[in-house]
């Protein structure tokens, strides 16, 4: 909430606290908190004892995300001083795979095709 040393927005307005109904959602943002659930009735759920939440189970519980149609994403990761914007046109995008590749390295997983051949999958 500060710009060039001047307070623009009160810091308490920027606290992304989880709701009682879902530790993975608060202040209109998806939170990477252990025990949280993703969007929808069948949303992915994270283990309450995990280091991270359903967005990225391997850590960064301070990460928060705005998610849109087609896999569009806005991630904010304060501990890394990082903002990531993803514009996409696919429902196959998987947040956890993206963060695993970004922070842990590795290869894009392969997915099957109708011809039976393997090809690189979408994140």
N, C-alpha and C. Protein backbone atom coordinates (compact mmCIF):
# COMPACT_ATOMS: atom_id res chain seq x y z
N UNK A 1 0.78 -1.20 0.00
CA UNK A 1 0.00 0.00 0.00
C UNK A 1 0.82 1.26 0.00
N UNK A 2 2.15 1.16 -0.27
CA UNK A 2 2.99 2.36 -0.27
C UNK A 2 3.56 2.60 -1.67
N UNK A 3 3.70 3.87 -2.01
CA UNK A 3 4.34 4.23 -3.26
C UNK A 3 5.24 5.42 -2.99
N UNK A 4 6.53 5.28 -3.32
CA UNK A 4 7.53 6.31 -3.10
C UNK A 4 7.46 6.85 -1.68
N UNK A 5 7.34 5.92 -0.73
CA UNK A 5 7.35 6.28 0.68
C UNK A 5 6.04 6.82 1.22
N UNK A 6 5.04 6.98 0.37
CA UNK A 6 3.75 7.52 0.80
C UNK A 6 2.72 6.39 0.90
N UNK A 7 2.01 6.34 2.04
CA UNK A 7 0.97 5.34 2.23
C UNK A 7 -0.23 5.69 1.35
N UNK A 8 -0.57 4.81 0.40
CA UNK A 8 -1.67 5.03 -0.53
C UNK A 8 -2.94 4.32 -0.05
N UNK A 9 -2.78 3.09 0.38
CA UNK A 9 -3.89 2.27 0.87
C UNK A 9 -3.51 1.76 2.25
N UNK A 10 -4.43 1.81 3.18
CA UNK A 10 -4.16 1.32 4.52
C UNK A 10 -3.74 -0.14 4.46
N UNK A 11 -2.68 -0.49 5.19
CA UNK A 11 -2.14 -1.84 5.13
C UNK A 11 -3.16 -2.88 5.58
N UNK A 12 -4.02 -2.55 6.53
CA UNK A 12 -5.02 -3.53 6.98
C UNK A 12 -6.03 -3.87 5.88
N UNK A 13 -6.17 -3.02 4.89
CA UNK A 13 -7.08 -3.31 3.78
C UNK A 13 -6.48 -4.33 2.82
N UNK A 14 -5.18 -4.56 2.92
CA UNK A 14 -4.50 -5.46 2.01
C UNK A 14 -4.19 -6.82 2.64
N UNK A 15 -4.76 -7.09 3.78
CA UNK A 15 -4.55 -8.40 4.42
C UNK A 15 -5.51 -9.41 3.80
N UNK A 16 -4.94 -10.40 3.20
CA UNK A 16 -5.74 -11.45 2.57
C UNK A 16 -5.97 -12.56 3.59
N UNK A 17 -6.95 -12.36 4.43
CA UNK A 17 -7.28 -13.33 5.47
C UNK A 17 -8.30 -14.33 4.95
N UNK A 18 -8.15 -15.61 5.31
CA UNK A 18 -9.10 -16.62 4.83
C UNK A 18 -10.49 -16.45 5.44
N UNK A 19 -11.48 -16.93 4.73
CA UNK A 19 -12.85 -16.93 5.26
C UNK A 19 -13.01 -18.13 6.18
N UNK A 20 -14.02 -18.10 7.03
CA UNK A 20 -14.29 -19.24 7.92
C UNK A 20 -14.70 -20.46 7.11
N UNK A 21 -15.40 -20.25 6.02
CA UNK A 21 -15.89 -21.36 5.20
C UNK A 21 -14.78 -22.05 4.42
N UNK A 22 -13.72 -21.30 4.05
CA UNK A 22 -12.66 -21.87 3.22
C UNK A 22 -11.34 -21.17 3.50
N UNK A 23 -10.38 -21.85 4.15
CA UNK A 23 -9.08 -21.24 4.40
C UNK A 23 -8.32 -20.90 3.12
N UNK A 24 -8.79 -21.41 1.96
CA UNK A 24 -8.14 -21.15 0.69
C UNK A 24 -8.72 -19.97 -0.07
N UNK A 25 -9.57 -19.16 0.58
CA UNK A 25 -10.18 -18.02 -0.11
C UNK A 25 -10.37 -16.88 0.88
N UNK A 26 -10.06 -15.67 0.43
CA UNK A 26 -10.24 -14.50 1.28
C UNK A 26 -10.07 -13.21 0.51
N UNK A 27 -10.89 -12.24 0.78
CA UNK A 27 -10.85 -10.92 0.14
C UNK A 27 -10.83 -11.05 -1.38
N UNK A 28 -11.65 -11.93 -1.91
CA UNK A 28 -11.78 -12.17 -3.36
C UNK A 28 -10.51 -12.68 -4.02
N UNK A 29 -9.65 -13.33 -3.26
CA UNK A 29 -8.43 -13.92 -3.82
C UNK A 29 -8.32 -15.37 -3.36
N UNK A 30 -7.72 -16.20 -4.20
CA UNK A 30 -7.42 -17.58 -3.82
C UNK A 30 -6.11 -17.57 -3.06
N UNK A 31 -6.12 -18.19 -1.89
CA UNK A 31 -4.96 -18.20 -1.01
C UNK A 31 -4.31 -19.58 -1.03
N UNK A 32 -3.02 -19.61 -0.93
CA UNK A 32 -2.29 -20.87 -0.93
C UNK A 32 -2.07 -21.35 0.51
N UNK A 33 -3.16 -21.42 1.26
CA UNK A 33 -3.09 -21.81 2.67
C UNK A 33 -3.40 -23.29 2.83
N UNK A 34 -2.67 -23.97 3.73
CA UNK A 34 -2.98 -25.37 4.01
C UNK A 34 -4.44 -25.52 4.45
N UNK A 35 -5.09 -26.56 3.96
CA UNK A 35 -6.48 -26.83 4.31
C UNK A 35 -7.50 -26.13 3.45
N UNK A 36 -7.05 -25.30 2.51
CA UNK A 36 -7.96 -24.57 1.63
C UNK A 36 -8.47 -25.41 0.48
N UNK A 37 -9.55 -24.96 -0.13
CA UNK A 37 -10.14 -25.62 -1.29
C UNK A 37 -10.15 -24.68 -2.48
N UNK A 38 -10.05 -25.26 -3.66
CA UNK A 38 -10.12 -24.49 -4.89
C UNK A 38 -11.55 -24.18 -5.27
N UNK A 39 -11.75 -23.53 -6.42
CA UNK A 39 -13.09 -23.11 -6.84
C UNK A 39 -14.00 -24.28 -7.20
N UNK A 40 -15.29 -24.04 -7.06
CA UNK A 40 -16.30 -25.02 -7.45
C UNK A 40 -16.56 -26.07 -6.39
N UNK A 41 -17.65 -26.78 -6.56
CA UNK A 41 -18.04 -27.81 -5.59
C UNK A 41 -17.02 -28.94 -5.55
N UNK A 42 -16.40 -29.23 -6.68
CA UNK A 42 -15.40 -30.29 -6.74
C UNK A 42 -13.99 -29.76 -6.68
N UNK A 43 -13.80 -28.58 -6.10
CA UNK A 43 -12.49 -27.94 -6.06
C UNK A 43 -11.44 -28.75 -5.34
N UNK A 44 -10.22 -28.64 -5.83
CA UNK A 44 -9.10 -29.34 -5.19
C UNK A 44 -8.95 -28.87 -3.76
N UNK A 45 -8.62 -29.78 -2.87
CA UNK A 45 -8.46 -29.45 -1.46
C UNK A 45 -7.04 -29.79 -1.04
N UNK A 46 -6.48 -28.97 -0.18
CA UNK A 46 -5.13 -29.24 0.30
C UNK A 46 -5.18 -29.80 1.72
N UNK A 47 -4.15 -30.50 2.05
CA UNK A 47 -4.01 -31.09 3.38
C UNK A 47 -3.77 -29.98 4.40
N UNK A 48 -4.45 -30.04 5.52
CA UNK A 48 -4.32 -29.01 6.55
C UNK A 48 -2.94 -29.00 7.18
N UNK A 49 -2.16 -30.06 7.03
CA UNK A 49 -0.81 -30.10 7.60
C UNK A 49 0.28 -29.87 6.55
N UNK A 50 -0.10 -29.53 5.32
CA UNK A 50 0.86 -29.31 4.23
C UNK A 50 1.61 -27.99 4.44
N UNK A 51 2.70 -27.80 3.68
CA UNK A 51 3.44 -26.55 3.75
C UNK A 51 2.81 -25.47 2.88
N UNK A 52 1.99 -25.87 1.92
CA UNK A 52 1.30 -24.92 1.04
C UNK A 52 -0.16 -25.29 0.91
N UNK A 53 -0.80 -24.71 -0.07
CA UNK A 53 -2.22 -24.96 -0.29
C UNK A 53 -2.49 -25.61 -1.62
N UNK A 54 -3.73 -25.50 -2.09
CA UNK A 54 -4.11 -26.19 -3.33
C UNK A 54 -3.48 -25.56 -4.56
N UNK A 55 -3.10 -24.28 -4.52
CA UNK A 55 -2.47 -23.64 -5.68
C UNK A 55 -1.08 -24.24 -5.91
N UNK A 56 -0.27 -24.31 -4.87
CA UNK A 56 1.08 -24.89 -4.93
C UNK A 56 1.33 -25.61 -3.61
N UNK A 57 1.12 -26.91 -3.57
CA UNK A 57 1.20 -27.67 -2.33
C UNK A 57 2.58 -27.70 -1.67
N UNK A 58 3.64 -27.42 -2.44
CA UNK A 58 4.99 -27.56 -1.92
C UNK A 58 5.51 -26.34 -1.18
N UNK A 59 4.66 -25.38 -0.86
CA UNK A 59 5.12 -24.24 -0.08
C UNK A 59 4.48 -22.93 -0.47
N UNK A 60 5.09 -21.86 -0.01
CA UNK A 60 4.67 -20.48 -0.24
C UNK A 60 3.22 -20.22 0.18
N UNK A 61 2.90 -20.41 1.47
CA UNK A 61 1.53 -20.16 1.92
C UNK A 61 1.11 -18.69 1.82
N UNK A 62 2.07 -17.78 1.60
CA UNK A 62 1.71 -16.36 1.45
C UNK A 62 1.29 -16.01 0.02
N UNK A 63 1.44 -16.94 -0.93
CA UNK A 63 1.04 -16.73 -2.32
C UNK A 63 -0.48 -16.52 -2.39
N UNK A 64 -0.90 -15.57 -3.19
CA UNK A 64 -2.33 -15.45 -3.48
C UNK A 64 -2.53 -15.23 -4.96
N UNK A 65 -3.76 -15.56 -5.42
CA UNK A 65 -4.01 -15.64 -6.85
C UNK A 65 -5.40 -15.13 -7.19
N UNK A 66 -5.50 -14.47 -8.33
CA UNK A 66 -6.80 -14.19 -8.95
C UNK A 66 -6.85 -15.06 -10.19
N UNK A 67 -7.91 -15.86 -10.33
CA UNK A 67 -8.02 -16.78 -11.45
C UNK A 67 -9.20 -16.45 -12.33
N UNK A 68 -9.00 -16.55 -13.63
CA UNK A 68 -10.07 -16.23 -14.56
C UNK A 68 -10.29 -17.35 -15.56
N UNK A 69 -11.25 -17.15 -16.43
CA UNK A 69 -11.61 -18.13 -17.46
C UNK A 69 -10.41 -18.41 -18.37
N UNK A 70 -10.35 -19.63 -18.88
CA UNK A 70 -9.30 -20.00 -19.83
C UNK A 70 -7.93 -20.15 -19.21
N UNK A 71 -7.84 -20.20 -17.90
CA UNK A 71 -6.54 -20.34 -17.25
C UNK A 71 -5.82 -19.02 -17.05
N UNK A 72 -6.51 -17.90 -17.20
CA UNK A 72 -5.89 -16.60 -16.92
C UNK A 72 -5.61 -16.51 -15.43
N UNK A 73 -4.44 -16.01 -15.09
CA UNK A 73 -4.03 -15.96 -13.70
C UNK A 73 -3.27 -14.67 -13.39
N UNK A 74 -3.41 -14.24 -12.14
CA UNK A 74 -2.57 -13.19 -11.56
C UNK A 74 -2.09 -13.76 -10.23
N UNK A 75 -0.79 -13.95 -10.09
CA UNK A 75 -0.20 -14.47 -8.86
C UNK A 75 0.61 -13.35 -8.21
N UNK A 76 0.55 -13.28 -6.90
CA UNK A 76 1.39 -12.37 -6.13
C UNK A 76 2.10 -13.22 -5.08
N UNK A 77 3.44 -13.13 -5.06
CA UNK A 77 4.25 -13.90 -4.12
C UNK A 77 5.15 -12.92 -3.38
N UNK A 78 4.67 -12.39 -2.24
CA UNK A 78 5.45 -11.38 -1.52
C UNK A 78 6.85 -11.84 -1.12
N UNK A 79 7.03 -13.09 -0.71
CA UNK A 79 8.35 -13.55 -0.26
C UNK A 79 9.38 -13.55 -1.39
N UNK A 80 8.92 -13.61 -2.63
CA UNK A 80 9.82 -13.59 -3.80
C UNK A 80 9.83 -12.21 -4.46
N UNK A 81 9.04 -11.26 -3.91
CA UNK A 81 8.90 -9.93 -4.52
C UNK A 81 8.49 -10.08 -5.99
N UNK A 82 7.49 -10.93 -6.22
CA UNK A 82 7.15 -11.34 -7.57
C UNK A 82 5.65 -11.23 -7.85
N UNK A 83 5.34 -10.74 -9.06
CA UNK A 83 3.99 -10.74 -9.59
C UNK A 83 4.06 -11.44 -10.94
N UNK A 84 3.17 -12.42 -11.16
CA UNK A 84 3.16 -13.17 -12.41
C UNK A 84 1.77 -13.03 -13.02
N UNK A 85 1.72 -12.69 -14.31
CA UNK A 85 0.46 -12.61 -15.04
C UNK A 85 0.51 -13.66 -16.14
N UNK A 86 -0.53 -14.48 -16.21
CA UNK A 86 -0.64 -15.48 -17.26
C UNK A 86 -1.94 -15.26 -18.02
N UNK A 87 -1.83 -15.06 -19.33
CA UNK A 87 -2.99 -14.96 -20.20
C UNK A 87 -3.05 -16.25 -20.99
N UNK A 88 -4.15 -16.96 -20.92
CA UNK A 88 -4.21 -18.26 -21.56
C UNK A 88 -5.57 -18.57 -22.14
N UNK A 89 -5.60 -19.59 -22.94
CA UNK A 89 -6.83 -20.03 -23.60
C UNK A 89 -7.04 -21.51 -23.40
N UNK A 90 -6.65 -22.04 -22.26
CA UNK A 90 -6.79 -23.48 -22.04
C UNK A 90 -7.28 -23.76 -20.63
N UNK A 91 -8.12 -24.76 -20.50
CA UNK A 91 -8.57 -25.21 -19.19
C UNK A 91 -7.62 -26.26 -18.61
N UNK A 92 -6.64 -26.69 -19.41
CA UNK A 92 -5.70 -27.73 -18.96
C UNK A 92 -4.56 -27.17 -18.13
N UNK A 93 -4.49 -25.89 -17.95
CA UNK A 93 -3.43 -25.27 -17.15
C UNK A 93 -3.56 -25.74 -15.71
N UNK A 94 -2.44 -26.14 -15.10
CA UNK A 94 -2.43 -26.61 -13.71
C UNK A 94 -1.45 -25.76 -12.92
N UNK A 95 -1.98 -25.02 -11.96
CA UNK A 95 -1.16 -24.10 -11.16
C UNK A 95 0.02 -24.80 -10.50
N UNK A 96 -0.24 -25.93 -9.86
CA UNK A 96 0.82 -26.64 -9.14
C UNK A 96 1.96 -27.08 -10.05
N UNK A 97 1.63 -27.53 -11.27
CA UNK A 97 2.66 -27.93 -12.23
C UNK A 97 3.48 -26.71 -12.64
N UNK A 98 2.83 -25.59 -12.90
CA UNK A 98 3.53 -24.36 -13.27
C UNK A 98 4.53 -23.97 -12.19
N UNK A 99 4.11 -23.96 -10.92
CA UNK A 99 5.01 -23.56 -9.84
C UNK A 99 6.10 -24.58 -9.59
N UNK A 100 5.78 -25.86 -9.76
CA UNK A 100 6.82 -26.88 -9.60
C UNK A 100 7.91 -26.67 -10.64
N UNK A 101 7.52 -26.41 -11.89
CA UNK A 101 8.50 -26.16 -12.95
C UNK A 101 9.28 -24.87 -12.70
N UNK A 102 8.59 -23.83 -12.25
CA UNK A 102 9.22 -22.54 -12.02
C UNK A 102 10.22 -22.59 -10.87
N UNK A 103 9.85 -23.21 -9.76
CA UNK A 103 10.68 -23.16 -8.56
C UNK A 103 11.50 -24.41 -8.30
N UNK A 104 11.13 -25.53 -8.92
CA UNK A 104 11.85 -26.77 -8.66
C UNK A 104 12.53 -27.33 -9.90
N UNK A 105 12.19 -26.82 -11.09
CA UNK A 105 12.76 -27.33 -12.33
C UNK A 105 12.03 -28.58 -12.78
N UNK A 106 12.54 -29.22 -13.77
CA UNK A 106 11.92 -30.45 -14.28
C UNK A 106 11.37 -30.25 -15.67
N UNK A 107 10.64 -31.25 -16.14
CA UNK A 107 10.08 -31.23 -17.49
C UNK A 107 8.57 -31.06 -17.45
N UNK A 108 8.05 -30.51 -18.55
CA UNK A 108 6.60 -30.42 -18.70
C UNK A 108 6.07 -31.84 -18.83
N UNK A 109 5.06 -32.23 -18.06
CA UNK A 109 4.54 -33.60 -18.14
C UNK A 109 4.01 -33.93 -19.53
N UNK A 110 4.11 -35.20 -19.90
CA UNK A 110 3.59 -35.65 -21.19
C UNK A 110 2.15 -36.12 -21.01
N UNK A 111 1.34 -35.87 -22.02
CA UNK A 111 -0.05 -36.31 -21.99
C UNK A 111 -0.31 -37.15 -23.22
N UNK A 112 -1.30 -38.03 -23.15
CA UNK A 112 -1.64 -38.87 -24.29
C UNK A 112 -2.46 -38.10 -25.31
N UNK A 113 -2.42 -38.56 -26.56
CA UNK A 113 -3.24 -37.99 -27.62
C UNK A 113 -4.14 -39.08 -28.16
N UNK A 114 -5.07 -38.72 -29.02
CA UNK A 114 -5.97 -39.72 -29.59
C UNK A 114 -5.23 -40.75 -30.43
N UNK A 115 -4.05 -40.38 -30.95
CA UNK A 115 -3.26 -41.33 -31.74
C UNK A 115 -2.44 -42.25 -30.86
N UNK A 116 -2.45 -42.03 -29.56
CA UNK A 116 -1.67 -42.85 -28.64
C UNK A 116 -0.26 -42.36 -28.45
N UNK A 117 0.20 -41.41 -29.27
CA UNK A 117 1.54 -40.86 -29.12
C UNK A 117 1.55 -39.88 -27.96
N UNK A 118 2.69 -39.79 -27.32
CA UNK A 118 2.85 -38.86 -26.22
C UNK A 118 3.33 -37.52 -26.76
N UNK A 119 2.83 -36.44 -26.20
CA UNK A 119 3.30 -35.10 -26.56
C UNK A 119 3.37 -34.28 -25.30
N UNK A 120 4.07 -33.18 -25.38
CA UNK A 120 4.19 -32.28 -24.22
C UNK A 120 2.82 -31.72 -23.89
N UNK A 121 2.50 -31.71 -22.62
CA UNK A 121 1.19 -31.23 -22.18
C UNK A 121 1.18 -29.74 -21.90
N UNK A 122 0.00 -29.25 -21.68
CA UNK A 122 -0.16 -27.86 -21.27
C UNK A 122 0.18 -27.74 -19.80
N UNK A 123 0.62 -26.58 -19.40
CA UNK A 123 0.85 -26.35 -17.99
C UNK A 123 -0.48 -26.15 -17.36
